[in-house]
């Protein structure tokens, strides 16, 4: 295991993900000039994860995050990271520059929301733009967070309410949710194309989590549309498991993961008794675990104890979990972070102990 003391670089890199870029393709340049001649492309910081460069100063998208509030912060975090993962498959971070989307406007979004069919369905829309090194508009990533539930109405269009005055609701089937999401995405793509913007468009659709606030939403659909073509759709099978969980109520990889986490937690409790709590969040794609996030809350005052505990935890992670998954380990005291360990699926890792 390598110890990387450059946490500042990591934080700077994360900030650059959200950085703005003022570059434009020729077709879109007429109405949207570069912000000013003092804009600069941020450098790519060398850390174990690849992030997109952007142009500073920062420029906000007119639509990102401007609709209904996403149910939980977990949803919002996973949505943003998920869109970057989708982009990574086509737009290599070393070769492309990121900017918050500047093509769609709130007027465009409201045009879609004006349809009764989509009322209450869209939580938010995000647009990301990507540019090549020679300032060419290379593509768009379009993200949507959709609601899996809808409110029931009577024949007069009035909401049906229960005895307490609360609106009654039902849930879409998976197929209904997919088809409705496709219709919204097609409408958004059509609006973009009518503006004369022709680069490749990638679409990511996330279903918000409305039942268990300990879990983030899940991506259910991606799309890819090249110039002059229709969208090619791909259904996704993503799921999460909050830990600890009773593995006897689970099957297959979910049961195995719950059992492994319980062994991990028991080992921690045995050698470092008195910790406040250990929780985990396992992420699965196509019924295979791809990521594990572990959070430890403890009363640790000694820096030496923090180091020993972190090293011991990493050894247990290597013992109980696959080496081919991403690991995020966060160790916190009651009111501040103490240490962090991150390992990517390719084996690159770093550990940092906070100094106050």
Protein backbone atom coordinates (compact mmCIF):
# COMPACT_ATOMS: atom_id res chain seq x y z
CA UNK A 1 0.00 0.00 0.00
CA UNK A 2 1.33 3.45 -0.91
CA UNK A 3 0.83 6.53 1.24
CA UNK A 4 -0.08 9.62 -0.77
CA UNK A 5 0.22 12.79 1.28
CA UNK A 6 -1.05 15.09 -1.46
CA UNK A 7 -4.65 15.32 -0.30
CA UNK A 8 -4.73 18.91 -1.45
CA UNK A 9 -4.15 17.72 -4.99
CA UNK A 10 -7.08 15.36 -4.69
CA UNK A 11 -9.37 18.14 -3.49
CA UNK A 12 -8.21 20.44 -6.27
CA UNK A 13 -8.83 17.70 -8.82
CA UNK A 14 -12.35 17.15 -7.55
CA UNK A 15 -13.00 20.84 -7.85
CA UNK A 16 -11.80 20.80 -11.44
CA UNK A 17 -14.47 18.27 -12.36
CA UNK A 18 -16.99 21.00 -11.90
CA UNK A 19 -14.88 23.68 -13.58
CA UNK A 20 -16.25 25.61 -16.53
CA UNK A 21 -14.95 25.80 -20.08
CA UNK A 22 -15.81 28.52 -22.57
CA UNK A 23 -14.84 26.71 -25.75
CA UNK A 24 -17.37 26.37 -28.58
CA UNK A 25 -17.79 24.68 -31.92
CA UNK A 26 -18.19 26.96 -34.94
CA UNK A 27 -21.91 26.17 -35.24
CA UNK A 28 -22.57 27.33 -31.69
CA UNK A 29 -19.99 30.10 -31.49
CA UNK A 30 -22.16 32.78 -33.10
CA UNK A 31 -24.50 33.19 -30.13
CA UNK A 32 -22.12 32.15 -27.35
CA UNK A 33 -18.75 33.86 -27.36
CA UNK A 34 -15.90 32.90 -25.07
CA UNK A 35 -16.32 34.59 -21.68
CA UNK A 36 -13.12 36.65 -21.83
CA UNK A 37 -9.55 36.53 -23.04
CA UNK A 38 -8.29 35.83 -19.52
CA UNK A 39 -9.89 32.38 -19.36
CA UNK A 40 -7.37 29.61 -18.82
CA UNK A 41 -7.48 25.82 -19.10
CA UNK A 42 -6.82 24.30 -15.71
CA UNK A 43 -3.87 21.88 -15.50
CA UNK A 44 -4.46 18.17 -15.05
CA UNK A 45 -3.28 17.18 -11.58
CA UNK A 46 -1.50 13.84 -11.40
CA UNK A 47 -3.36 11.68 -8.92
CA UNK A 48 -4.63 8.12 -8.99
CA UNK A 49 -7.98 9.07 -10.54
CA UNK A 50 -8.43 10.90 -13.83
CA UNK A 51 -10.48 14.08 -13.90
CA UNK A 52 -11.36 16.46 -16.68
CA UNK A 53 -9.68 19.81 -17.06
CA UNK A 54 -11.85 22.88 -17.32
CA UNK A 55 -11.58 26.56 -18.13
CA UNK A 56 -11.46 29.05 -15.29
CA UNK A 57 -13.26 31.19 -14.19
CA UNK A 58 -16.14 28.86 -13.46
CA UNK A 59 -19.29 29.11 -15.59
CA UNK A 60 -22.61 27.66 -14.42
CA UNK A 61 -25.12 25.87 -16.59
CA UNK A 62 -28.52 27.61 -16.76
CA UNK A 63 -30.34 24.30 -16.17
CA UNK A 64 -28.24 22.08 -13.88
CA UNK A 65 -30.02 21.51 -10.59
CA UNK A 66 -32.77 24.03 -11.36
CA UNK A 67 -35.80 21.73 -11.18
CA UNK A 68 -37.37 19.90 -8.22
CA UNK A 69 -35.04 19.02 -5.37
CA UNK A 70 -33.58 15.51 -5.64
CA UNK A 71 -34.86 13.37 -2.73
CA UNK A 72 -31.47 12.91 -1.01
CA UNK A 73 -27.88 14.11 -1.12
CA UNK A 74 -26.85 10.54 -1.90
CA UNK A 75 -28.92 10.77 -5.09
CA UNK A 76 -27.27 14.04 -6.08
CA UNK A 77 -23.72 12.79 -5.48
CA UNK A 78 -24.22 9.54 -7.35
CA UNK A 79 -25.92 11.35 -10.22
CA UNK A 80 -22.98 13.69 -10.79
CA UNK A 81 -20.34 10.96 -10.51
CA UNK A 82 -22.42 8.64 -12.70
CA UNK A 83 -22.55 11.19 -15.52
CA UNK A 84 -18.77 11.51 -15.38
CA UNK A 85 -18.44 7.73 -15.58
CA UNK A 86 -20.66 7.70 -18.66
CA UNK A 87 -18.52 10.42 -20.23
CA UNK A 88 -15.30 8.53 -19.45
CA UNK A 89 -16.31 5.70 -21.76
CA UNK A 90 -16.26 8.01 -24.80
CA UNK A 91 -14.40 11.18 -23.85
CA UNK A 92 -10.94 10.34 -22.49
CA UNK A 93 -10.06 12.80 -19.68
CA UNK A 94 -6.55 13.29 -21.07
CA UNK A 95 -7.93 14.37 -24.45
CA UNK A 96 -11.09 16.35 -23.67
CA UNK A 97 -12.03 19.43 -21.68
CA UNK A 98 -15.14 19.73 -19.50
CA UNK A 99 -17.67 22.51 -19.13
CA UNK A 100 -21.08 22.72 -17.52
CA UNK A 101 -23.72 22.64 -20.25
CA UNK A 102 -24.54 25.84 -22.12
CA UNK A 103 -26.87 24.54 -24.85
CA UNK A 104 -30.16 23.94 -23.02
CA UNK A 105 -31.99 26.80 -21.32
CA UNK A 106 -34.71 26.83 -18.68
CA UNK A 107 -37.17 27.84 -21.40
CA UNK A 108 -36.31 24.59 -23.19
CA UNK A 109 -36.88 22.54 -20.04
CA UNK A 110 -40.11 24.32 -19.17
CA UNK A 111 -41.38 23.57 -22.67
CA UNK A 112 -41.17 19.87 -21.80
CA UNK A 113 -42.44 20.28 -18.25
CA UNK A 114 -45.51 22.04 -19.61
CA UNK A 115 -46.75 18.66 -20.79
CA UNK A 116 -49.10 17.02 -18.29
CA UNK A 117 -47.49 13.69 -19.20
CA UNK A 118 -44.21 14.73 -17.60
CA UNK A 119 -45.60 16.67 -14.65
CA UNK A 120 -43.84 15.49 -11.48
CA UNK A 121 -41.76 12.99 -13.43
CA UNK A 122 -38.49 14.90 -13.87
CA UNK A 123 -36.55 15.78 -10.71
CA UNK A 124 -33.67 17.42 -12.54
CA UNK A 125 -31.77 17.67 -15.82
CA UNK A 126 -28.00 18.11 -16.08
CA UNK A 127 -26.01 18.95 -19.19
CA UNK A 128 -22.24 18.53 -19.53
CA UNK A 129 -20.26 19.68 -22.57
CA UNK A 130 -16.95 18.23 -23.80
CA UNK A 131 -14.41 19.81 -26.12
CA UNK A 132 -11.32 18.55 -27.92
CA UNK A 133 -7.86 20.05 -27.48
CA UNK A 134 -8.30 22.08 -30.67
CA UNK A 135 -11.47 23.78 -29.34
CA UNK A 136 -13.97 21.65 -31.27
CA UNK A 137 -17.32 20.87 -29.62
CA UNK A 138 -16.97 17.09 -29.21
CA UNK A 139 -20.11 16.05 -27.39
CA UNK A 140 -22.76 16.38 -24.72
CA UNK A 141 -23.67 14.22 -21.74
CA UNK A 142 -27.32 14.70 -20.82
CA UNK A 143 -28.47 13.44 -17.42
CA UNK A 144 -31.99 13.03 -16.03
CA UNK A 145 -33.24 12.06 -12.58
CA UNK A 146 -36.75 10.64 -12.78
CA UNK A 147 -39.34 9.74 -10.17
CA UNK A 148 -40.40 6.09 -9.91
CA UNK A 149 -43.78 7.05 -8.45
CA UNK A 150 -46.76 9.06 -9.61
CA UNK A 151 -49.80 10.50 -7.85
CA UNK A 152 -53.24 9.12 -8.59
CA UNK A 153 -55.95 11.33 -10.06
CA UNK A 154 -59.68 10.90 -10.54
CA UNK A 155 -61.65 11.32 -13.77
CA UNK A 156 -61.75 15.11 -13.20
CA UNK A 157 -57.98 15.35 -12.95
CA UNK A 158 -58.04 15.95 -9.20
CA UNK A 159 -55.61 14.18 -6.87
CA UNK A 160 -57.06 11.25 -4.94
CA UNK A 161 -56.42 11.66 -1.22
CA UNK A 162 -56.55 9.32 1.75
CA UNK A 163 -58.42 9.87 5.01
CA UNK A 164 -55.61 12.14 6.24
CA UNK A 165 -55.62 14.33 3.14
CA UNK A 166 -52.40 12.91 1.75
CA UNK A 167 -52.17 12.29 -1.98
CA UNK A 168 -52.27 8.63 -2.95
CA UNK A 169 -49.53 7.35 -5.23
CA UNK A 170 -48.42 4.28 -7.14
CA UNK A 171 -45.15 3.14 -8.72
CA UNK A 172 -44.30 2.75 -12.38
CA UNK A 173 -43.31 -0.70 -13.56
CA UNK A 174 -39.72 -0.95 -14.80
CA UNK A 175 -40.89 -1.02 -18.41
CA UNK A 176 -43.17 2.01 -17.92
CA UNK A 177 -40.36 3.97 -16.30
CA UNK A 178 -37.94 3.10 -19.10
CA UNK A 179 -40.35 4.04 -21.90
CA UNK A 180 -41.35 7.33 -20.30
CA UNK A 181 -37.69 8.22 -19.73
CA UNK A 182 -36.94 7.52 -23.39
CA UNK A 183 -39.70 9.89 -24.51
CA UNK A 184 -38.36 12.73 -22.35
CA UNK A 185 -34.79 12.13 -23.54
CA UNK A 186 -35.87 12.08 -27.17
CA UNK A 187 -37.62 15.42 -26.69
CA UNK A 188 -34.48 16.94 -25.12
CA UNK A 189 -32.25 15.61 -27.90
CA UNK A 190 -34.64 17.06 -30.50
CA UNK A 191 -34.43 20.48 -28.86
CA UNK A 192 -30.63 20.33 -28.91
CA UNK A 193 -30.53 19.29 -32.57
CA UNK A 194 -32.92 22.09 -33.56
CA UNK A 195 -30.36 24.54 -32.19
CA UNK A 196 -27.90 23.34 -34.83
CA UNK A 197 -25.76 21.47 -32.31
CA UNK A 198 -24.66 18.24 -33.98
CA UNK A 199 -21.96 16.57 -31.81
CA UNK A 200 -22.48 13.18 -30.21
CA UNK A 201 -24.91 13.06 -27.28
CA UNK A 202 -24.74 10.55 -24.43
CA UNK A 203 -27.76 10.15 -22.14
CA UNK A 204 -27.86 8.85 -18.57
CA UNK A 205 -31.13 8.27 -16.68
CA UNK A 206 -31.16 7.75 -12.92
CA UNK A 207 -34.19 6.55 -10.95
CA UNK A 208 -34.46 8.47 -7.68
CA UNK A 209 -34.61 6.46 -4.46
CA UNK A 210 -37.88 7.26 -2.71
CA UNK A 211 -38.18 4.36 -0.26
CA UNK A 212 -34.86 4.03 1.61
CA UNK A 213 -32.98 7.26 2.25
CA UNK A 214 -29.83 5.29 3.18
CA UNK A 215 -29.49 4.35 -0.50
CA UNK A 216 -28.77 6.50 -3.56
CA UNK A 217 -30.76 6.33 -6.75
CA UNK A 218 -29.77 3.88 -9.48
CA UNK A 219 -28.96 4.39 -13.15
CA UNK A 220 -31.47 2.48 -15.25
CA UNK A 221 -30.75 3.60 -18.80
CA UNK A 222 -28.05 5.04 -21.04
CA UNK A 223 -28.34 6.29 -24.60
CA UNK A 224 -25.94 7.19 -27.39
CA UNK A 225 -26.93 9.32 -30.38
CA UNK A 226 -24.48 10.29 -33.11
CA UNK A 227 -25.03 12.97 -35.70
CA UNK A 228 -27.94 12.11 -38.00
CA UNK A 229 -28.82 8.92 -36.11
CA UNK A 230 -31.45 7.78 -33.60
CA UNK A 231 -30.64 7.05 -29.97
CA UNK A 232 -29.21 3.60 -29.25
CA UNK A 233 -30.48 2.58 -25.81
CA UNK A 234 -28.94 0.31 -23.19
CA UNK A 235 -30.77 -0.77 -20.05
CA UNK A 236 -28.69 -0.87 -16.88
CA UNK A 237 -28.89 -3.11 -13.84
CA UNK A 238 -27.47 -1.14 -10.92
CA UNK A 239 -28.26 -1.70 -7.25
CA UNK A 240 -27.00 -0.84 -3.76
CA UNK A 241 -26.89 -2.66 -0.43
CA UNK A 242 -26.63 -0.81 2.89
CA UNK A 243 -24.51 -2.63 5.46
CA UNK A 244 -24.60 -4.23 7.96
CA UNK A 245 -27.49 -6.33 6.71
CA UNK A 246 -28.93 -9.72 7.65
CA UNK A 247 -27.46 -11.99 5.01
CA UNK A 248 -30.04 -14.69 5.70
CA UNK A 249 -32.61 -12.43 3.99
CA UNK A 250 -30.45 -12.07 0.87
CA UNK A 251 -29.36 -14.25 -2.04
CA UNK A 252 -26.21 -14.78 -4.06
CA UNK A 253 -23.64 -12.01 -4.20
CA UNK A 254 -25.73 -9.85 -1.87
CA UNK A 255 -25.67 -12.51 0.84
CA UNK A 256 -21.93 -13.06 0.33
CA UNK A 257 -21.27 -9.32 0.57
CA UNK A 258 -23.31 -8.94 3.76
CA UNK A 259 -21.50 -11.90 5.31
CA UNK A 260 -18.07 -10.52 4.35
CA UNK A 261 -18.93 -7.11 5.79
CA UNK A 262 -20.07 -8.68 9.05
CA UNK A 263 -16.72 -10.51 9.30
CA UNK A 264 -14.92 -7.24 8.62
CA UNK A 265 -16.92 -5.43 11.30
CA UNK A 266 -16.47 -8.23 13.85
CA UNK A 267 -12.70 -8.16 13.33
CA UNK A 268 -12.64 -4.41 13.92
CA UNK A 269 -14.71 -4.78 17.08
CA UNK A 270 -12.38 -7.51 18.36
CA UNK A 271 -9.11 -5.61 18.04
CA UNK A 272 -10.38 -2.05 18.44
CA UNK A 273 -13.36 -2.23 20.82
CA UNK A 274 -15.48 0.77 21.65
CA UNK A 275 -15.97 2.28 18.21
CA UNK A 276 -19.19 4.19 17.68
CA UNK A 277 -20.23 2.55 14.45
CA UNK A 278 -19.24 1.05 11.13
CA UNK A 279 -21.49 1.19 8.07
CA UNK A 280 -21.02 0.26 4.45
CA UNK A 281 -22.60 0.82 1.06
CA UNK A 282 -21.98 -1.77 -1.64
CA UNK A 283 -22.63 -0.94 -5.28
CA UNK A 284 -23.49 -3.64 -7.83
CA UNK A 285 -23.70 -3.60 -11.62
CA UNK A 286 -25.20 -6.65 -13.34
CA UNK A 287 -25.18 -8.45 -9.97
CA UNK A 288 -21.43 -7.99 -9.50
CA UNK A 289 -20.00 -5.77 -6.79
CA UNK A 290 -17.98 -2.90 -8.29
CA UNK A 291 -17.56 -0.55 -5.32
CA UNK A 292 -17.58 -0.61 -1.53
CA UNK A 293 -17.77 2.49 0.66
CA UNK A 294 -17.08 2.05 4.37
CA UNK A 295 -17.59 4.76 6.98
CA UNK A 296 -16.24 4.47 10.52
CA UNK A 297 -17.28 6.82 13.32
CA UNK A 298 -15.07 6.59 16.40
CA UNK A 299 -13.58 8.49 19.29
CA UNK A 300 -9.95 8.60 18.18
CA UNK A 301 -7.70 11.28 19.64
CA UNK A 302 -4.27 9.85 18.90
CA UNK A 303 -2.75 10.25 15.44
CA UNK A 304 -0.78 7.05 15.99
CA UNK A 305 -3.96 5.14 16.78
CA UNK A 306 -5.57 6.57 13.65
CA UNK A 307 -2.66 5.32 11.55
CA UNK A 308 -2.73 1.87 13.15
CA UNK A 309 -6.48 1.57 12.80
CA UNK A 310 -6.45 2.64 9.15
CA UNK A 311 -3.68 0.20 8.27
CA UNK A 312 -5.48 -2.61 10.08
CA UNK A 313 -8.73 -1.78 8.29
CA UNK A 314 -7.02 -1.83 4.89
CA UNK A 315 -5.56 -5.26 5.64
CA UNK A 316 -9.04 -6.55 6.52
CA UNK A 317 -10.50 -5.04 3.35
CA UNK A 318 -7.91 -6.93 1.32
CA UNK A 319 -8.85 -10.10 3.21
CA UNK A 320 -12.64 -9.96 2.92
CA UNK A 321 -13.35 -8.12 -0.35
CA UNK A 322 -12.39 -8.63 -3.98
CA UNK A 323 -9.25 -6.88 -5.17
CA UNK A 324 -11.04 -5.87 -8.39
CA UNK A 325 -13.49 -3.40 -6.83
CA UNK A 326 -13.16 0.24 -5.88
CA UNK A 327 -12.80 0.86 -2.14
CA UNK A 328 -13.59 4.08 -0.26
CA UNK A 329 -12.75 4.04 3.46
CA UNK A 330 -13.59 7.11 5.56
CA UNK A 331 -12.59 7.26 9.23
CA UNK A 332 -14.16 10.02 11.30
CA UNK A 333 -14.24 11.12 14.91
CA UNK A 334 -17.40 12.61 16.31
CA UNK A 335 -16.94 16.00 14.66
CA UNK A 336 -14.13 15.77 12.08
CA UNK A 337 -12.49 13.41 9.58
CA UNK A 338 -9.42 11.49 10.72
CA UNK A 339 -8.24 9.44 7.74
CA UNK A 340 -9.17 8.37 4.23
CA UNK A 341 -8.14 5.40 2.11
CA UNK A 342 -9.15 4.98 -1.53
CA UNK A 343 -8.29 2.12 -3.87
CA UNK A 344 -9.34 2.07 -7.50
CA UNK A 345 -10.35 -1.11 -9.27
CA UNK A 346 -7.00 -1.15 -11.10
CA UNK A 347 -5.13 -1.35 -7.78
CA UNK A 348 -3.98 2.28 -7.54
CA UNK A 349 -4.50 3.49 -3.98
CA UNK A 350 -3.70 6.24 -1.53
CA UNK A 351 -4.07 6.86 2.19
CA UNK A 352 -4.13 10.16 4.04
CA UNK A 353 -4.21 10.91 7.77
CA UNK A 354 -5.52 14.39 8.58
CA UNK A 355 -3.29 16.75 10.56
CA UNK A 356 -4.85 19.49 12.66
